[in-house]
Each structure stands twice: as structure tokens, then as C-alpha cells.
Protein backbone atom coordinates (compact mmCIF):
# COMPACT_ATOMS: atom_id res chain seq x y z
CA MET A 1 -40.42 3.01 -21.89
CA ASP A 2 -40.72 1.75 -18.34
CA PHE A 3 -38.20 3.86 -16.43
CA GLU A 4 -38.87 2.20 -13.06
CA ALA A 5 -38.16 -1.09 -14.76
CA ILE A 6 -34.77 0.16 -15.91
CA LYS A 7 -33.89 1.45 -12.53
CA ALA A 8 -34.99 -1.73 -10.93
CA ALA A 9 -32.93 -3.82 -13.26
CA ALA A 10 -29.84 -1.70 -12.74
CA LYS A 11 -30.19 -1.81 -9.03
CA GLY A 12 -30.82 -5.64 -9.28
CA TYR A 13 -27.30 -6.01 -10.92
CA GLU A 14 -25.44 -3.95 -8.26
CA ALA A 15 -24.04 -7.09 -6.64
CA ASP A 16 -22.86 -8.46 -10.01
CA MET A 17 -21.31 -5.12 -11.02
CA THR A 18 -19.56 -4.88 -7.69
CA ARG A 19 -18.10 -8.50 -8.05
CA PHE A 20 -17.11 -7.77 -11.63
CA LEU A 21 -15.44 -4.47 -10.71
CA ARG A 22 -13.53 -6.01 -7.74
CA ASP A 23 -12.33 -8.81 -10.04
CA LEU A 24 -10.96 -6.27 -12.46
CA ILE A 25 -9.25 -4.30 -9.67
CA ALA A 26 -7.55 -7.46 -8.47
CA ILE A 27 -5.76 -7.99 -11.83
CA PRO A 28 -2.91 -5.37 -12.28
CA SER A 29 -3.33 -3.66 -15.59
CA GLU A 30 -0.98 -0.90 -16.17
CA SER A 31 -0.63 0.27 -19.83
CA CYS A 32 0.78 -2.45 -22.17
CA GLY A 33 0.09 -5.07 -19.53
CA GLU A 34 -3.63 -5.41 -19.73
CA GLU A 35 -4.13 -8.96 -21.06
CA GLY A 36 -5.50 -10.43 -17.83
CA VAL A 37 -8.18 -7.75 -17.49
CA ILE A 38 -9.07 -7.96 -21.18
CA ARG A 39 -9.65 -11.63 -20.92
CA ARG A 40 -11.68 -11.20 -17.77
CA ILE A 41 -13.95 -8.66 -19.59
CA ALA A 42 -14.37 -10.89 -22.55
CA ALA A 43 -15.55 -13.71 -20.29
CA GLU A 44 -18.11 -11.44 -18.55
CA MET A 45 -19.38 -10.22 -21.87
CA GLU A 46 -19.93 -13.68 -23.06
CA LYS A 47 -21.60 -14.67 -19.75
CA VAL A 48 -24.20 -11.84 -19.86
CA GLY A 49 -25.17 -12.59 -23.46
CA PHE A 50 -23.26 -10.34 -25.90
CA ASP A 51 -23.95 -11.56 -29.43
CA LYS A 52 -20.18 -11.42 -30.41
CA VAL A 53 -17.01 -10.75 -28.42
CA GLU A 54 -13.58 -10.21 -30.04
CA ILE A 55 -10.13 -9.05 -29.11
CA ASP A 56 -8.48 -7.01 -31.88
CA PRO A 57 -4.75 -7.09 -32.78
CA GLU A 58 -4.02 -4.12 -30.48
CA GLY A 59 -5.58 -5.98 -27.57
CA ASN A 60 -8.87 -4.01 -27.27
CA VAL A 61 -11.87 -6.11 -26.44
CA LEU A 62 -15.08 -5.32 -28.45
CA GLY A 63 -18.48 -6.64 -27.40
CA TRP A 64 -21.39 -6.38 -29.83
CA MET A 65 -25.06 -6.50 -28.98
CA GLY A 66 -27.77 -6.31 -31.67
CA HIS A 67 -27.50 -6.40 -35.53
CA GLY A 68 -28.52 -3.05 -36.96
CA PRO A 69 -26.32 -1.00 -39.36
CA ARG A 70 -26.06 2.02 -36.98
CA ILE A 71 -23.42 1.67 -34.14
CA ILE A 72 -23.71 3.36 -30.70
CA ALA A 73 -20.64 2.73 -28.79
CA TYR A 74 -19.68 2.86 -25.06
CA ASP A 75 -15.99 3.19 -24.42
CA GLY A 76 -14.06 2.41 -21.23
CA HIS A 77 -10.26 2.35 -21.10
CA ILE A 78 -9.26 -0.56 -18.77
CA ASP A 79 -5.51 0.19 -18.25
CA THR A 80 -4.55 1.99 -15.11
CA VAL A 81 -1.53 3.89 -13.84
CA GLY A 82 0.68 2.35 -11.32
CA ILE A 83 0.15 2.62 -7.56
CA GLY A 84 3.11 4.95 -6.82
CA ASN A 85 4.49 4.85 -3.27
CA LYS A 86 2.54 2.04 -1.64
CA ASP A 87 3.11 3.69 1.74
CA ASN A 88 0.64 6.37 0.63
CA TRP A 89 -2.15 3.70 0.52
CA SER A 90 -4.08 2.77 3.66
CA PHE A 91 -5.18 -0.52 2.01
CA ASP A 92 -3.83 -2.90 -0.62
CA PRO A 93 -4.60 -1.26 -4.05
CA TYR A 94 -5.14 -4.63 -5.67
CA VAL A 95 -7.03 -6.36 -2.91
CA GLY A 96 -9.16 -3.27 -2.40
CA TYR A 97 -12.15 -3.29 -0.09
CA GLU A 98 -15.92 -3.02 -0.18
CA THR A 99 -18.43 -1.33 2.15
CA ASP A 100 -22.19 -0.97 1.66
CA THR A 101 -21.52 2.09 -0.50
CA GLU A 102 -17.92 2.12 -1.70
CA ILE A 103 -15.46 0.10 -3.70
CA GLY A 104 -11.73 0.76 -3.09
CA GLY A 105 -8.80 -0.06 -5.40
CA ARG A 106 -6.75 0.97 -8.28
CA GLY A 107 -8.91 1.52 -11.27
CA GLY A 108 -12.18 1.93 -9.54
CA SER A 109 -12.87 5.48 -10.68
CA ASP A 110 -10.22 5.61 -13.44
CA GLN A 111 -11.85 3.80 -14.98
CA GLU A 112 -12.76 0.25 -14.89
CA GLY A 113 -16.03 1.16 -13.25
CA GLY A 114 -17.24 2.77 -16.44
CA LEU A 115 -16.65 -0.44 -18.41
CA VAL A 116 -18.56 -2.42 -15.80
CA SER A 117 -21.60 -0.11 -16.00
CA SER A 118 -21.57 -0.24 -19.82
CA VAL A 119 -21.39 -4.02 -19.89
CA TYR A 120 -24.44 -4.32 -17.58
CA GLY A 121 -26.18 -1.41 -19.33
CA ALA A 122 -26.04 -3.38 -22.52
CA LYS A 123 -27.38 -6.39 -20.71
CA ILE A 124 -30.37 -4.38 -19.40
CA MET A 125 -30.99 -3.19 -22.97
CA LYS A 126 -31.18 -6.78 -24.10
CA ASP A 127 -33.19 -7.95 -21.09
CA LEU A 128 -35.78 -5.18 -21.56
CA GLY A 129 -35.80 -5.00 -25.41
CA LEU A 130 -34.42 -1.59 -25.55
CA ILE A 131 -32.07 -1.96 -28.54
CA PRO A 132 -33.72 -0.41 -31.67
CA GLU A 133 -33.83 -2.88 -34.67
CA ASP A 134 -31.58 -0.57 -36.76
CA VAL A 135 -28.82 -0.23 -34.04
CA THR A 136 -26.02 -2.34 -32.85
CA ILE A 137 -24.51 -1.58 -29.35
CA LEU A 138 -20.77 -1.72 -29.05
CA VAL A 139 -18.93 -1.85 -25.74
CA THR A 140 -15.19 -1.49 -25.87
CA GLY A 141 -12.59 -2.17 -23.27
CA THR A 142 -9.67 -0.20 -24.61
CA VAL A 143 -5.91 -0.34 -23.83
CA GLN A 144 -2.93 2.05 -23.53
CA GLU A 145 -5.06 5.13 -22.77
CA GLU A 146 -3.05 6.09 -19.72
CA ASP A 147 0.12 5.90 -21.91
CA CYS A 148 -1.30 7.54 -25.05
CA ASP A 149 -4.88 8.90 -24.96
CA GLY A 150 -6.94 7.76 -27.91
CA LEU A 151 -4.33 5.39 -29.55
CA CYS A 152 -6.81 2.66 -29.11
CA TRP A 153 -9.56 4.46 -30.98
CA GLN A 154 -7.15 5.46 -33.76
CA TYR A 155 -6.66 1.70 -34.12
CA ILE A 156 -10.42 0.83 -33.86
CA HIS A 157 -11.36 3.51 -36.38
CA ASN A 158 -8.45 3.25 -38.85
CA GLU A 159 -7.60 -0.50 -38.75
CA ASP A 160 -10.69 -2.24 -37.40
CA HIS A 161 -12.79 0.07 -39.61
CA VAL A 162 -15.36 0.74 -36.95
CA THR A 163 -17.15 4.17 -37.15
CA PRO A 164 -19.98 4.53 -34.60
CA GLU A 165 -22.74 7.14 -35.02
CA PHE A 166 -21.59 8.40 -31.64
CA VAL A 167 -19.62 7.25 -28.62
CA ILE A 168 -20.28 7.60 -24.92
CA SER A 169 -17.12 7.89 -22.95
CA THR A 170 -17.53 6.20 -19.59
CA GLU A 171 -14.63 8.08 -18.00
CA PRO A 172 -15.60 9.43 -14.50
CA THR A 173 -17.73 12.58 -14.70
CA ASP A 174 -18.83 13.15 -11.04
CA GLY A 175 -22.38 12.54 -11.94
CA GLY A 176 -22.28 15.13 -14.85
CA ILE A 177 -22.76 14.83 -18.64
CA TYR A 178 -19.60 16.15 -20.37
CA ARG A 179 -19.37 17.51 -23.88
CA GLY A 180 -15.71 18.24 -24.35
CA HIS A 181 -12.41 18.93 -22.78
CA ARG A 182 -8.95 20.53 -23.39
CA GLY A 183 -6.45 18.73 -25.57
CA ARG A 184 -2.85 18.08 -24.79
CA MET A 185 0.55 17.46 -26.15
CA GLU A 186 3.93 16.22 -25.02
CA ILE A 187 6.79 18.51 -25.98
CA ARG A 188 10.54 17.89 -25.61
CA VAL A 189 13.21 20.52 -25.36
CA ASP A 190 16.85 19.49 -25.97
CA VAL A 191 19.78 21.78 -25.17
CA HIS A 192 23.34 21.23 -26.38
CA GLY A 193 26.37 22.03 -24.33
CA VAL A 194 30.15 21.27 -24.21
CA SER A 195 31.67 19.30 -21.33
CA CYS A 196 34.94 19.95 -19.66
CA HIS A 197 36.59 19.30 -16.31
CA GLY A 198 34.63 20.66 -13.38
CA SER A 199 37.63 22.41 -11.97
CA ALA A 200 37.54 24.90 -14.79
CA PRO A 201 33.97 25.24 -15.91
CA GLN A 202 34.79 28.30 -17.96
CA ARG A 203 36.27 26.07 -20.62
CA GLY A 204 32.97 24.30 -21.29
CA ASP A 205 29.37 25.28 -22.01
CA ASN A 206 26.99 24.06 -19.33
CA ALA A 207 23.77 22.75 -20.87
CA ILE A 208 22.10 22.69 -17.47
CA TYR A 209 22.61 26.49 -17.03
CA LYS A 210 21.11 27.13 -20.42
CA MET A 211 18.10 25.00 -19.51
CA ALA A 212 17.67 26.89 -16.25
CA ASP A 213 16.92 30.00 -18.25
CA ILE A 214 14.50 28.06 -20.40
CA LEU A 215 12.76 26.59 -17.30
CA GLN A 216 12.03 30.12 -15.98
CA ASP A 217 10.45 31.14 -19.32
CA VAL A 218 8.37 27.92 -19.39
CA ARG A 219 7.17 28.76 -15.89
CA ALA A 220 6.40 32.36 -16.81
CA LEU A 221 4.39 31.09 -19.78
CA ASN A 222 2.12 29.24 -17.46
CA GLU A 223 1.94 31.91 -14.59
CA ASN A 224 2.18 35.34 -16.27
CA GLY A 225 -0.70 37.54 -17.33
CA ASP A 226 -1.19 38.82 -20.88
CA GLY A 227 -0.42 42.44 -20.48
CA ASP A 228 2.20 44.44 -22.29
CA SER A 229 4.51 44.58 -19.29
CA TYR A 230 5.30 40.87 -19.60
CA ALA A 231 8.23 39.70 -21.79
CA VAL A 232 6.58 36.38 -21.83
CA ARG A 233 2.72 36.63 -22.22
CA GLY A 234 0.94 33.91 -20.20
CA LEU A 235 -1.36 31.27 -21.50
CA VAL A 236 -4.24 33.07 -20.00
CA LYS A 237 -4.16 35.24 -23.12
CA MET A 238 -6.29 32.69 -24.97
CA LEU A 239 -9.28 33.69 -22.79
CA ASN A 240 -8.99 37.27 -24.15
CA PRO A 241 -10.68 38.13 -27.40
CA ALA A 242 -7.85 40.33 -28.28
CA PHE A 243 -5.55 37.22 -28.66
CA ASN A 244 -8.19 34.62 -29.57
CA PRO A 245 -10.94 36.36 -31.39
CA ASP A 246 -12.46 33.30 -33.05
CA HIS A 247 -12.46 30.89 -30.09
CA TYR A 248 -12.17 32.86 -26.79
CA GLU A 249 -15.69 31.85 -25.76
CA ASP A 250 -14.90 28.22 -26.15
CA ALA A 251 -11.75 28.69 -24.31
CA GLN A 252 -13.57 30.26 -21.42
CA PHE A 253 -15.81 27.18 -21.34
CA LEU A 254 -12.92 24.73 -21.34
CA GLY A 255 -10.51 26.82 -19.23
CA ARG A 256 -7.14 28.26 -20.08
CA GLY A 257 -4.29 26.16 -21.33
CA THR A 258 -1.48 25.22 -19.04
CA CYS A 259 2.12 23.95 -19.26
CA THR A 260 4.34 22.30 -16.72
CA VAL A 261 7.80 20.72 -16.80
CA SER A 262 7.18 16.97 -16.03
CA GLU A 263 10.70 15.53 -16.49
CA ILE A 264 14.33 16.60 -16.74
CA PHE A 265 17.35 14.68 -18.14
CA PHE A 266 20.99 15.39 -18.62
CA THR A 267 24.22 13.85 -19.76
CA SER A 268 27.72 14.58 -18.36
CA PRO A 269 30.91 12.55 -18.43
CA SER A 270 30.96 12.53 -14.61
CA ARG A 271 29.92 14.31 -11.43
CA CYS A 272 33.13 16.38 -11.79
CA ALA A 273 32.40 17.60 -15.28
CA VAL A 274 30.27 20.18 -17.05
CA ALA A 275 26.96 18.76 -18.42
CA ASP A 276 27.04 18.55 -22.19
CA SER A 277 23.24 18.18 -22.72
CA CYS A 278 20.04 18.70 -20.86
CA SER A 279 16.40 17.89 -21.91
CA ILE A 280 13.00 18.43 -20.48
CA SER A 281 9.51 17.16 -21.04
CA ILE A 282 6.59 19.54 -21.00
CA ASP A 283 3.00 18.57 -20.37
CA ARG A 284 1.04 21.06 -22.42
CA ARG A 285 -2.75 21.35 -21.96
CA MET A 286 -4.45 23.10 -24.90
CA THR A 287 -7.62 25.19 -24.98
CA ALA A 288 -9.72 26.19 -27.95
CA GLY A 289 -7.72 28.22 -30.46
CA GLU A 290 -4.37 26.49 -29.76
CA THR A 291 -2.88 23.98 -32.23
CA TRP A 292 0.07 21.60 -31.99
CA GLU A 293 1.96 23.95 -34.31
CA SER A 294 1.15 27.06 -32.27
CA CYS A 295 2.24 25.33 -29.05
CA LEU A 296 5.61 24.30 -30.52
CA GLU A 297 6.19 27.80 -31.97
CA GLU A 298 5.35 29.36 -28.55
CA ILE A 299 8.20 27.44 -26.91
CA ARG A 300 10.58 28.21 -29.90
CA ASN A 301 9.78 32.00 -29.49
CA LEU A 302 10.60 32.04 -25.76
CA PRO A 303 13.39 34.66 -25.16
CA SER A 304 15.71 32.04 -23.68
CA VAL A 305 15.18 29.59 -26.52
CA LYS A 306 15.85 32.23 -29.12
CA LYS A 307 18.92 33.41 -27.11
CA TYR A 308 20.63 29.92 -27.48
CA GLY A 309 19.61 29.54 -31.12
CA ASP A 310 20.76 26.33 -32.78
CA ASP A 311 21.74 24.81 -29.45
CA VAL A 312 18.09 24.28 -28.67
CA LYS A 313 15.65 21.82 -30.37
CA VAL A 314 11.95 21.92 -29.65
CA SER A 315 9.93 18.89 -30.78
CA MET A 316 6.79 16.72 -30.19
CA TYR A 317 7.26 13.32 -28.73
CA ARG A 318 6.07 10.15 -30.58
CA TYR A 319 4.60 7.12 -28.91
CA ASP A 320 5.92 3.65 -29.87
CA ARG A 321 5.49 1.30 -27.04
CA PRO A 322 4.18 -2.17 -28.11
CA ALA A 323 0.70 -3.18 -26.91
CA TRP A 324 0.32 -6.34 -24.73
CA THR A 325 -0.23 -8.27 -27.97
CA GLY A 326 3.23 -7.09 -29.21
CA LEU A 327 1.69 -4.79 -31.84
CA LYS A 328 3.40 -1.48 -32.24
CA TYR A 329 1.05 1.27 -33.51
CA GLU A 330 2.97 4.62 -33.56
CA THR A 331 1.50 8.07 -33.30
CA GLU A 332 2.37 11.65 -32.34
CA CYS A 333 1.97 12.62 -28.68
CA TYR A 334 -0.76 15.06 -29.68
CA PHE A 335 -4.32 14.83 -28.30
CA PRO A 336 -6.63 17.44 -29.82
CA THR A 337 -9.17 19.66 -28.05
CA TRP A 338 -12.89 19.12 -28.82
CA ILE A 339 -16.23 20.38 -27.75
CA ASN A 340 -19.76 19.26 -28.95
CA LYS A 341 -22.70 21.46 -29.01
CA GLU A 342 -25.03 21.18 -26.04
CA SER A 343 -27.92 20.92 -28.52
CA ALA A 344 -26.36 17.95 -30.42
CA PRO A 345 -28.74 14.97 -30.60
CA HIS A 346 -26.30 12.61 -29.00
CA VAL A 347 -25.73 14.99 -26.11
CA GLN A 348 -29.40 15.47 -25.68
CA ALA A 349 -30.12 11.76 -25.77
CA LEU A 350 -27.92 11.41 -22.70
CA VAL A 351 -29.57 14.51 -21.12
CA ASP A 352 -33.06 13.28 -21.73
CA ALA A 353 -32.39 9.77 -20.47
CA HIS A 354 -30.86 11.23 -17.29
CA LYS A 355 -33.83 13.61 -16.74
CA ALA A 356 -36.40 10.77 -17.31
CA LEU A 357 -34.59 8.44 -14.80
CA TYR A 358 -33.08 10.73 -12.22
CA GLY A 359 -34.03 14.38 -12.89
CA GLU A 360 -32.13 17.48 -13.92
CA GLN A 361 -29.49 17.50 -11.18
CA ARG A 362 -26.43 15.29 -10.66
CA VAL A 363 -27.18 12.39 -8.39
CA GLY A 364 -24.99 10.45 -6.00
CA THR A 365 -23.68 10.94 -2.48
CA PRO A 366 -19.84 10.39 -2.71
CA SER A 367 -17.91 10.34 0.58
CA ALA A 368 -14.79 12.08 -0.67
CA PRO A 369 -15.20 15.91 -0.09
CA GLU A 370 -13.97 17.03 -3.59
CA ALA A 371 -16.27 14.46 -5.23
CA ALA A 372 -19.21 15.62 -3.06
CA ARG A 373 -18.53 19.30 -4.14
CA ARG A 374 -18.57 18.44 -7.75
CA ARG A 375 -22.09 16.86 -7.54
CA LYS A 376 -23.34 20.41 -7.10
CA ALA A 377 -22.07 21.60 -10.42
CA PRO A 378 -24.28 21.97 -13.41
CA LEU A 379 -25.29 18.68 -15.07
CA ILE A 380 -23.81 19.54 -18.45
CA ASP A 381 -20.12 20.43 -18.24
CA LYS A 382 -16.58 19.36 -19.31
CA TRP A 383 -13.68 17.27 -18.00
CA THR A 384 -10.51 18.81 -16.62
CA PHE A 385 -8.33 15.92 -17.84
CA SER A 386 -8.38 14.32 -21.34
CA THR A 387 -9.88 11.06 -22.54
CA ASN A 388 -10.08 8.81 -25.60
CA GLY A 389 -12.32 11.51 -26.95
CA VAL A 390 -9.13 13.15 -28.32
CA ALA A 391 -9.13 10.58 -31.02
CA ILE A 392 -12.83 9.73 -31.20
CA GLN A 393 -13.97 13.37 -31.65
CA GLY A 394 -10.71 15.26 -31.78
CA ARG A 395 -9.02 13.39 -34.62
CA ALA A 396 -11.74 11.38 -36.31
CA GLY A 397 -14.69 13.76 -35.81
CA ILE A 398 -17.04 10.96 -34.47
CA PRO A 399 -19.45 12.67 -31.97
CA CYS A 400 -18.57 12.00 -28.40
CA VAL A 401 -20.12 12.73 -25.00
CA GLY A 402 -19.17 11.68 -21.51
CA PHE A 403 -20.98 10.19 -18.51
CA GLY A 404 -19.26 7.75 -16.14
CA PRO A 405 -19.12 6.56 -12.51
CA GLY A 406 -16.58 7.81 -10.08
CA ALA A 407 -14.78 11.06 -9.62
CA GLU A 408 -12.01 12.84 -11.51
CA SER A 409 -10.38 13.65 -8.22
CA GLN A 410 -9.94 10.00 -7.52
CA ALA A 411 -8.04 9.49 -10.76
CA HIS A 412 -4.29 8.48 -10.22
CA ALA A 413 -4.66 9.15 -6.53
CA PRO A 414 -3.75 6.78 -3.65
CA ASN A 415 -6.73 5.21 -1.81
CA GLU A 416 -8.77 5.44 -5.02
CA ILE A 417 -12.47 4.63 -4.50
CA THR A 418 -15.72 4.64 -6.42
CA TRP A 419 -19.34 4.36 -5.47
CA LYS A 420 -21.89 1.60 -6.03
CA GLU A 421 -24.65 4.08 -6.46
CA ASP A 422 -22.76 5.44 -9.53
CA LEU A 423 -22.39 2.06 -11.09
CA VAL A 424 -26.15 1.61 -10.85
CA THR A 425 -27.06 5.11 -12.04
CA CYS A 426 -24.72 4.88 -15.07
CA ALA A 427 -25.94 1.41 -16.05
CA ALA A 428 -29.53 2.63 -16.11
CA VAL A 429 -28.77 5.81 -18.09
CA TYR A 430 -26.74 3.78 -20.61
CA ALA A 431 -29.60 1.37 -21.18
CA ALA A 432 -32.01 4.20 -21.89
CA VAL A 433 -29.95 6.36 -24.25
CA PRO A 434 -30.49 4.50 -27.56
CA SER A 435 -34.36 4.84 -27.09
CA PHE A 436 -33.95 8.66 -26.68
CA TYR A 437 -31.48 9.23 -29.61
CA LYS A 438 -33.18 10.89 -32.61
CA GLY A 439 -30.27 10.59 -35.03
CA MET A 440 -27.78 13.12 -36.37
CA GLY A 441 -29.56 14.67 -39.28
CA GLY A 442 -27.42 17.00 -41.35
CA GLU A 443 -26.29 19.45 -38.69
CA ASP A 444 -22.71 19.91 -37.49
CA VAL A 445 -22.69 18.75 -33.90
CA CYS A 446 -19.20 19.98 -33.15
CA GLU A 447 -18.67 23.31 -31.39
CA TYR A 448 -14.86 23.14 -31.71
CA ARG A 449 -12.35 20.58 -32.86
CA ALA A 450 -8.65 21.12 -33.13
CA GLY A 451 -8.39 18.23 -35.65
CA ASP A 452 -5.64 15.81 -36.64
CA VAL A 453 -1.99 16.44 -37.42
CA GLN A 454 -1.54 17.03 -41.12
């Protein structure tokens, strides 16, 4: 394999990738409204020579290159979050901007840049004859990830009946190769009260006051230590072998679980009445050893929740928003934790490709301070946030590994940027990976997987 030729080809497509990414940024594509971006991607795939391009009933675009029975897939979600308060942006998030080194705009890092690099990585494979005869390359531009991580791959696997041998997630990795991340789930707590006139609150039962107690316990769950002195032991306990004997080492690799209250709702007859209900949403990040059942029970066993008994209901959200195609594909808002072994053949294929092309250290010179700091971390690591890997590896058990342009710290942030150098680096590495992949064999590549809801 001519590594200099691969790097030269990737560099030669820098202008094309920049143009393509800026086109995608210019098309607003929040979850469930991605049609314009999907059709733009399909057109680019056809232009660069994919053998087949299709849009499935959920609205994901699938581009196929090669004709072998074994599938190696590259996934990039192409929906974005909104722009938030536009006053926080110093430039138009959809017009964006371009310098010699940077591309600005919503979706640059999170994560349309990864899709761009994978499309051109596949083109380089075809240009240079790097697709093994028994392999088909699949590049997916997937929808609804920001709303519901992995829903797209539940559909691709369960309904499109596509099962790759492994998947490279092109989410931003700050130049690293990522073999796992924490899971998450969305929990709802509903509290019942009884309304009455606000002039005599003692006649009612104020649901907001009850919820105030619960809020303090949820906060304690996130902030407390795990010693005997705490009425509510903190989530840090899962790093301790005394509480997590089977998985504490994996938890230490991923980092502790967290919880935070992300939304609050109430009902009341008026502003001069006692509230008769109150509800909160909890964003729960899950480390190794935690399950969706254990997380629900943890909230149910909080002292304040037990105190109010049947007036409190703890449940897991379900996702049921229709895709841009109109399809409604429902699922639990549960996104399981996963880690693959560092020695797994699909992880090592990415590591070997990176070492052959660029060496053993992360490359890139991002201008953002946090992104620059991350480039000094070890090459093999994990994400802080979650990805479509929650369905690919977490639910379906399809081996997954991450490598993508941009920075985690740019995700969902105003003035989002990515770097042209990253687009080039990733396209080159993607092109080389199939030639380094030695196949799975019979070994279990998974270090930890929380698994599907039963």
C-alpha cells in the first residue's frame, strides 16, 4: 500500500471536501427536518462514483461501494441541534465562514464533517483500488441522532437488515481513536398534588414542594461521595470495587455516571392556586455496571421519593417523533454503555492505519484551546458524550470504533468550527482501514456492553 499516495489523494480532495461541508452547513437540518441535507449527500455520493445510493424509509442515506459479502460501514449522523440564542454567534451559523485552516458553521464538528470525510475516503479507496474483493464499503448519513441516539441504526439493522462486520463512527474524536463511551437514559419523575386557593395553601397538597425535596436528593445523587455518612450515596460509588466489583475498572476507564435535572413542568389552575402536579426530566449518564433497571430503582429508592409513596411515579421516556419521511419508529429512551477491547481487530485496523499514515500520536493543530489540549491525550481513548454506537454496539453487538474530524468541545456550542486538516486526515485513514483489517475470528471483541432492553 502506497501511504504517500493515500495522503496525497486526501489532500488533493481538501477543496472538494470543504465545498461539500459548506454546502451541508448551509442547509438547516435539525432532527426530523433533514431532507435537504440527505438529498445533497445522495447527489455527492452519486457524483463521486458510489455503486449504489439509496434513501431508506426512515430517511437515512446509504451509499454502497464494492460488491463483497462482508460489509465495513462508516456512519455519520447528519442532523444537528438548533442554533440557540443567535446573539451568542459572532457569524451566521448557516452561512458560516472559511479560512485557510477552519470551517465555521452549525454541524461542522457535530458532525457533518465526519460524513464528508467518509464519502471522500470511499472515493479514495475506489480511486486507488483499496477495497478488498470480498468487502463492500457502506457510508451512512443517518438521521434523528440528536433527538434519539442510535434510532437510525436500530432501523438500519432491524428493518433494512444490514449487519456490518464493524462500523467506524465518524463523530468528532479530537484526533483520537475511541473504543467506547458511557450510556445514557432519559428519566421522568411525576409528582401528584391537590390544588386549592392560594390564599389558604394548607387546604391543598403542593406538588412543587414535594418535587423540591426530590430535586435535592437527585442533586445529592450526583454530588455526594459514597461513604456511610451519606443518606444518598453518590454515583461515584460505581468507581469503587466495593459497590461495583465486576465492572469498576471499566467504570474507571469511562468515568463515573452522572445525573442532572434538565427540564421541569407543572400544572396549576392559576397563579393564585396550589400546584396539583410537578414533573422533571433527568438526563442520566451511565457507566459500566449500571443498567436501565438499576437507574430507575436508584431514583425510586431516594428518601424523598419513598417518603411521598404512591404520589410519585418514576419512568423512562419513549421516543415517538416522526422522521422527515413521516415514518414513526418508536423506542425507549435508553442508550446502552459499551466498550470494545483495545486488542479487537477492528480497533487495531484503525490504529495500524493511523500509525502507518501519521504515527502514534494524535495529529492536527486546532485553534480552539480545549480542542488543542485534547490533541495531547493518548491516541486510544473514549468519548465523553454518546453516539449512534449505543445501538450499533450497545444494543445490536456490532463492533464499533470511533475516529472523526472536529472536536467534542465544539458540539452544540455557538460559533462551532472544524478544521480542514482533520477532514484530510480522516479521509486518508478511512481509505486505508480495510486493507489493515484482519477479520474478527472467533474472539469476543467486547470489553463491556450493557445490552438491549428486554
